[in-house]
């Protein structure tokens, strides 16, 4: 599935400089599955395009399913920055 969402990380301390560029912006994301947290629980994660790493769902706002064509355009737009 393809989605768009606003990137609002809860903790910016460990982010790469590239990831910091996308804070507050609409980004293209795909299903990433589930990742284990440090507490032994699972968390839903997404993969951003351009790749800035695996993003927990708690760092995304307004996650909306979009068609692949719109996702591709958004991904290319974000890759230019």
N, C-alpha and C. Protein backbone atom coordinates (compact mmCIF):
# COMPACT_ATOMS: atom_id res chain seq x y z
N UNK A 1 0.83 -1.18 0.00
CA UNK A 1 0.00 0.00 0.00
C UNK A 1 0.88 1.24 0.00
N UNK A 2 0.34 2.29 -0.58
CA UNK A 2 1.05 3.56 -0.70
C UNK A 2 0.31 4.63 0.09
N UNK A 3 1.08 5.44 0.81
CA UNK A 3 0.49 6.45 1.68
C UNK A 3 1.25 7.77 1.57
N UNK A 4 0.58 8.83 2.01
CA UNK A 4 1.23 10.10 2.26
C UNK A 4 0.97 10.43 3.71
N UNK A 5 1.92 11.13 4.34
CA UNK A 5 1.77 11.49 5.74
C UNK A 5 2.69 12.66 6.05
N UNK A 6 2.37 13.37 7.11
CA UNK A 6 3.22 14.46 7.58
C UNK A 6 4.20 13.88 8.59
N UNK A 7 5.47 14.14 8.38
CA UNK A 7 6.53 13.61 9.23
C UNK A 7 6.72 14.52 10.44
N UNK A 8 6.35 14.02 11.63
CA UNK A 8 6.47 14.75 12.89
C UNK A 8 7.09 13.83 13.94
N UNK A 9 8.41 13.64 13.89
CA UNK A 9 9.04 12.73 14.86
C UNK A 9 8.90 13.21 16.30
N UNK A 10 8.71 12.26 17.19
CA UNK A 10 8.57 12.58 18.61
C UNK A 10 9.90 12.95 19.24
N UNK A 11 10.98 12.40 18.69
CA UNK A 11 12.32 12.67 19.23
C UNK A 11 13.24 12.96 18.05
N UNK A 12 13.76 14.15 17.99
CA UNK A 12 14.61 14.55 16.87
C UNK A 12 16.10 14.33 17.13
N UNK A 13 16.47 13.98 18.34
CA UNK A 13 17.88 13.89 18.72
C UNK A 13 18.68 12.90 17.88
N UNK A 14 18.13 11.74 17.58
CA UNK A 14 18.88 10.69 16.88
C UNK A 14 18.68 10.72 15.36
N UNK A 15 18.00 11.73 14.85
CA UNK A 15 17.72 11.77 13.41
C UNK A 15 18.95 12.20 12.61
N UNK A 16 19.04 11.67 11.41
CA UNK A 16 20.09 12.12 10.49
C UNK A 16 19.75 13.52 10.00
N UNK A 17 20.74 14.22 9.45
CA UNK A 17 20.49 15.55 8.90
C UNK A 17 19.47 15.48 7.77
N UNK A 18 19.55 14.41 6.96
CA UNK A 18 18.60 14.25 5.85
C UNK A 18 17.18 14.10 6.38
N UNK A 19 16.98 13.29 7.41
CA UNK A 19 15.65 13.09 7.99
C UNK A 19 15.11 14.40 8.57
N UNK A 20 15.97 15.22 9.17
CA UNK A 20 15.54 16.49 9.75
C UNK A 20 14.99 17.44 8.70
N UNK A 21 15.44 17.31 7.46
CA UNK A 21 14.96 18.17 6.38
C UNK A 21 13.47 17.96 6.10
N UNK A 22 12.94 16.79 6.45
CA UNK A 22 11.57 16.44 6.12
C UNK A 22 10.58 16.67 7.26
N UNK A 23 11.04 17.14 8.40
CA UNK A 23 10.15 17.37 9.53
C UNK A 23 9.08 18.40 9.14
N UNK A 24 7.83 18.04 9.41
CA UNK A 24 6.71 18.93 9.11
C UNK A 24 6.25 18.90 7.67
N UNK A 25 6.88 18.07 6.85
CA UNK A 25 6.53 18.01 5.43
C UNK A 25 5.73 16.76 5.11
N UNK A 26 5.00 16.84 4.03
CA UNK A 26 4.25 15.70 3.51
C UNK A 26 5.24 14.80 2.78
N UNK A 27 5.27 13.52 3.17
CA UNK A 27 6.20 12.57 2.55
C UNK A 27 5.44 11.34 2.05
N UNK A 28 6.07 10.63 1.12
CA UNK A 28 5.53 9.38 0.59
C UNK A 28 6.06 8.24 1.45
N UNK A 29 5.17 7.36 1.89
CA UNK A 29 5.57 6.21 2.70
C UNK A 29 4.87 4.95 2.21
N UNK A 30 5.50 3.82 2.51
CA UNK A 30 4.94 2.50 2.19
C UNK A 30 4.88 1.68 3.46
N UNK A 31 4.04 0.64 3.42
CA UNK A 31 3.98 -0.31 4.54
C UNK A 31 5.37 -0.84 4.83
N UNK A 32 5.74 -0.84 6.09
CA UNK A 32 7.03 -1.39 6.47
C UNK A 32 6.89 -2.61 7.37
N UNK A 33 5.67 -2.89 7.80
CA UNK A 33 5.46 -4.05 8.66
C UNK A 33 5.51 -3.67 10.12
N UNK A 34 6.08 -4.57 10.92
CA UNK A 34 6.17 -4.36 12.36
C UNK A 34 7.63 -4.49 12.78
N UNK A 35 8.02 -3.67 13.74
CA UNK A 35 9.37 -3.73 14.29
C UNK A 35 9.26 -3.89 15.80
N UNK A 36 10.22 -4.60 16.37
CA UNK A 36 10.25 -4.77 17.83
C UNK A 36 10.79 -3.51 18.48
N UNK A 37 10.17 -3.11 19.57
CA UNK A 37 10.65 -1.97 20.33
C UNK A 37 11.57 -2.45 21.44
N UNK A 38 12.18 -1.52 22.12
CA UNK A 38 13.09 -1.89 23.22
C UNK A 38 12.34 -2.53 24.38
N UNK A 39 11.03 -2.38 24.40
CA UNK A 39 10.23 -2.95 25.49
C UNK A 39 9.69 -4.34 25.13
N UNK A 40 10.15 -4.91 24.03
CA UNK A 40 9.71 -6.24 23.62
C UNK A 40 8.35 -6.27 22.95
N UNK A 41 7.81 -5.12 22.64
CA UNK A 41 6.53 -5.03 21.96
C UNK A 41 6.76 -4.77 20.47
N UNK A 42 5.70 -4.83 19.69
CA UNK A 42 5.79 -4.53 18.27
C UNK A 42 5.18 -3.18 17.98
N UNK A 43 5.69 -2.53 16.93
CA UNK A 43 5.18 -1.24 16.52
C UNK A 43 5.08 -1.22 15.00
N UNK A 44 4.00 -0.64 14.48
CA UNK A 44 3.83 -0.51 13.04
C UNK A 44 4.83 0.53 12.54
N UNK A 45 5.52 0.19 11.44
CA UNK A 45 6.51 1.10 10.87
C UNK A 45 6.25 1.28 9.37
N UNK A 46 6.76 2.37 8.85
CA UNK A 46 6.63 2.69 7.44
C UNK A 46 8.02 2.98 6.87
N UNK A 47 8.14 2.84 5.56
CA UNK A 47 9.38 3.14 4.86
C UNK A 47 9.13 4.38 4.02
N UNK A 48 9.96 5.40 4.21
CA UNK A 48 9.80 6.67 3.50
C UNK A 48 10.51 6.62 2.15
N UNK A 49 10.02 7.43 1.25
CA UNK A 49 10.69 7.62 -0.03
C UNK A 49 10.74 9.11 -0.30
N UNK A 50 11.92 9.71 -0.34
CA UNK A 50 13.23 9.06 -0.36
C UNK A 50 13.54 8.42 0.99
N UNK A 51 14.43 7.44 0.95
CA UNK A 51 14.71 6.64 2.13
C UNK A 51 15.43 7.46 3.19
N UNK A 52 14.71 7.73 4.26
CA UNK A 52 15.31 8.39 5.43
C UNK A 52 15.27 7.46 6.62
N UNK A 53 14.98 6.19 6.35
CA UNK A 53 14.94 5.19 7.40
C UNK A 53 13.54 4.66 7.64
N UNK A 54 13.44 3.76 8.58
CA UNK A 54 12.15 3.20 8.97
C UNK A 54 11.52 4.16 9.98
N UNK A 55 10.25 4.48 9.74
CA UNK A 55 9.57 5.48 10.56
C UNK A 55 8.43 4.82 11.34
N UNK A 56 8.43 4.93 12.67
CA UNK A 56 7.30 4.41 13.45
C UNK A 56 6.03 5.20 13.15
N UNK A 57 4.89 4.54 13.21
CA UNK A 57 3.64 5.22 12.91
C UNK A 57 3.38 6.40 13.86
N UNK A 58 3.97 6.39 15.03
CA UNK A 58 3.78 7.48 15.98
C UNK A 58 4.48 8.77 15.53
N UNK A 59 5.38 8.67 14.54
CA UNK A 59 6.08 9.84 14.01
C UNK A 59 5.41 10.40 12.76
N UNK A 60 4.25 9.86 12.41
CA UNK A 60 3.53 10.30 11.22
C UNK A 60 2.15 10.81 11.59
N UNK A 61 1.72 11.88 10.95
CA UNK A 61 0.38 12.43 11.15
C UNK A 61 -0.39 12.36 9.85
N UNK A 62 -1.69 12.20 9.97
CA UNK A 62 -2.59 12.20 8.81
C UNK A 62 -2.16 11.19 7.73
N UNK A 63 -1.94 9.96 8.14
CA UNK A 63 -1.57 8.90 7.19
C UNK A 63 -2.78 8.61 6.31
N UNK A 64 -2.59 8.80 5.00
CA UNK A 64 -3.68 8.65 4.05
C UNK A 64 -3.27 7.75 2.91
N UNK A 65 -4.09 6.78 2.58
CA UNK A 65 -3.83 5.91 1.43
C UNK A 65 -3.99 6.72 0.14
N UNK A 66 -3.02 6.56 -0.77
CA UNK A 66 -3.07 7.29 -2.04
C UNK A 66 -2.74 6.34 -3.18
N UNK A 67 -3.15 6.68 -4.42
CA UNK A 67 -2.80 5.84 -5.57
C UNK A 67 -1.29 5.86 -5.83
N UNK A 68 -0.80 4.82 -6.45
CA UNK A 68 0.63 4.71 -6.76
C UNK A 68 1.12 5.90 -7.58
N UNK A 69 0.32 6.39 -8.50
CA UNK A 69 0.76 7.51 -9.34
C UNK A 69 1.02 8.76 -8.50
N UNK A 70 0.16 9.06 -7.54
CA UNK A 70 0.36 10.21 -6.66
C UNK A 70 1.56 9.98 -5.76
N UNK A 71 1.73 8.75 -5.27
CA UNK A 71 2.86 8.42 -4.41
C UNK A 71 4.17 8.63 -5.16
N UNK A 72 4.22 8.21 -6.42
CA UNK A 72 5.43 8.36 -7.24
C UNK A 72 5.78 9.83 -7.43
N UNK A 73 4.79 10.65 -7.71
CA UNK A 73 5.02 12.09 -7.88
C UNK A 73 5.55 12.71 -6.60
N UNK A 74 4.93 12.39 -5.47
CA UNK A 74 5.37 12.93 -4.18
C UNK A 74 6.78 12.47 -3.85
N UNK A 75 7.08 11.22 -4.11
CA UNK A 75 8.41 10.68 -3.85
C UNK A 75 9.46 11.42 -4.68
N UNK A 76 9.19 11.62 -5.95
CA UNK A 76 10.13 12.34 -6.83
C UNK A 76 10.30 13.78 -6.39
N UNK A 77 9.21 14.42 -5.99
CA UNK A 77 9.27 15.80 -5.52
C UNK A 77 10.18 15.91 -4.30
N UNK A 78 10.03 14.99 -3.35
CA UNK A 78 10.86 15.01 -2.14
C UNK A 78 12.31 14.64 -2.42
N UNK A 79 12.56 13.87 -3.47
CA UNK A 79 13.93 13.48 -3.81
C UNK A 79 14.73 14.64 -4.37
N UNK A 80 14.05 15.66 -4.86
CA UNK A 80 14.72 16.81 -5.44
C UNK A 80 15.29 17.74 -4.40
N UNK A 81 14.84 17.60 -3.16
CA UNK A 81 15.31 18.50 -2.10
C UNK A 81 16.48 17.95 -1.35
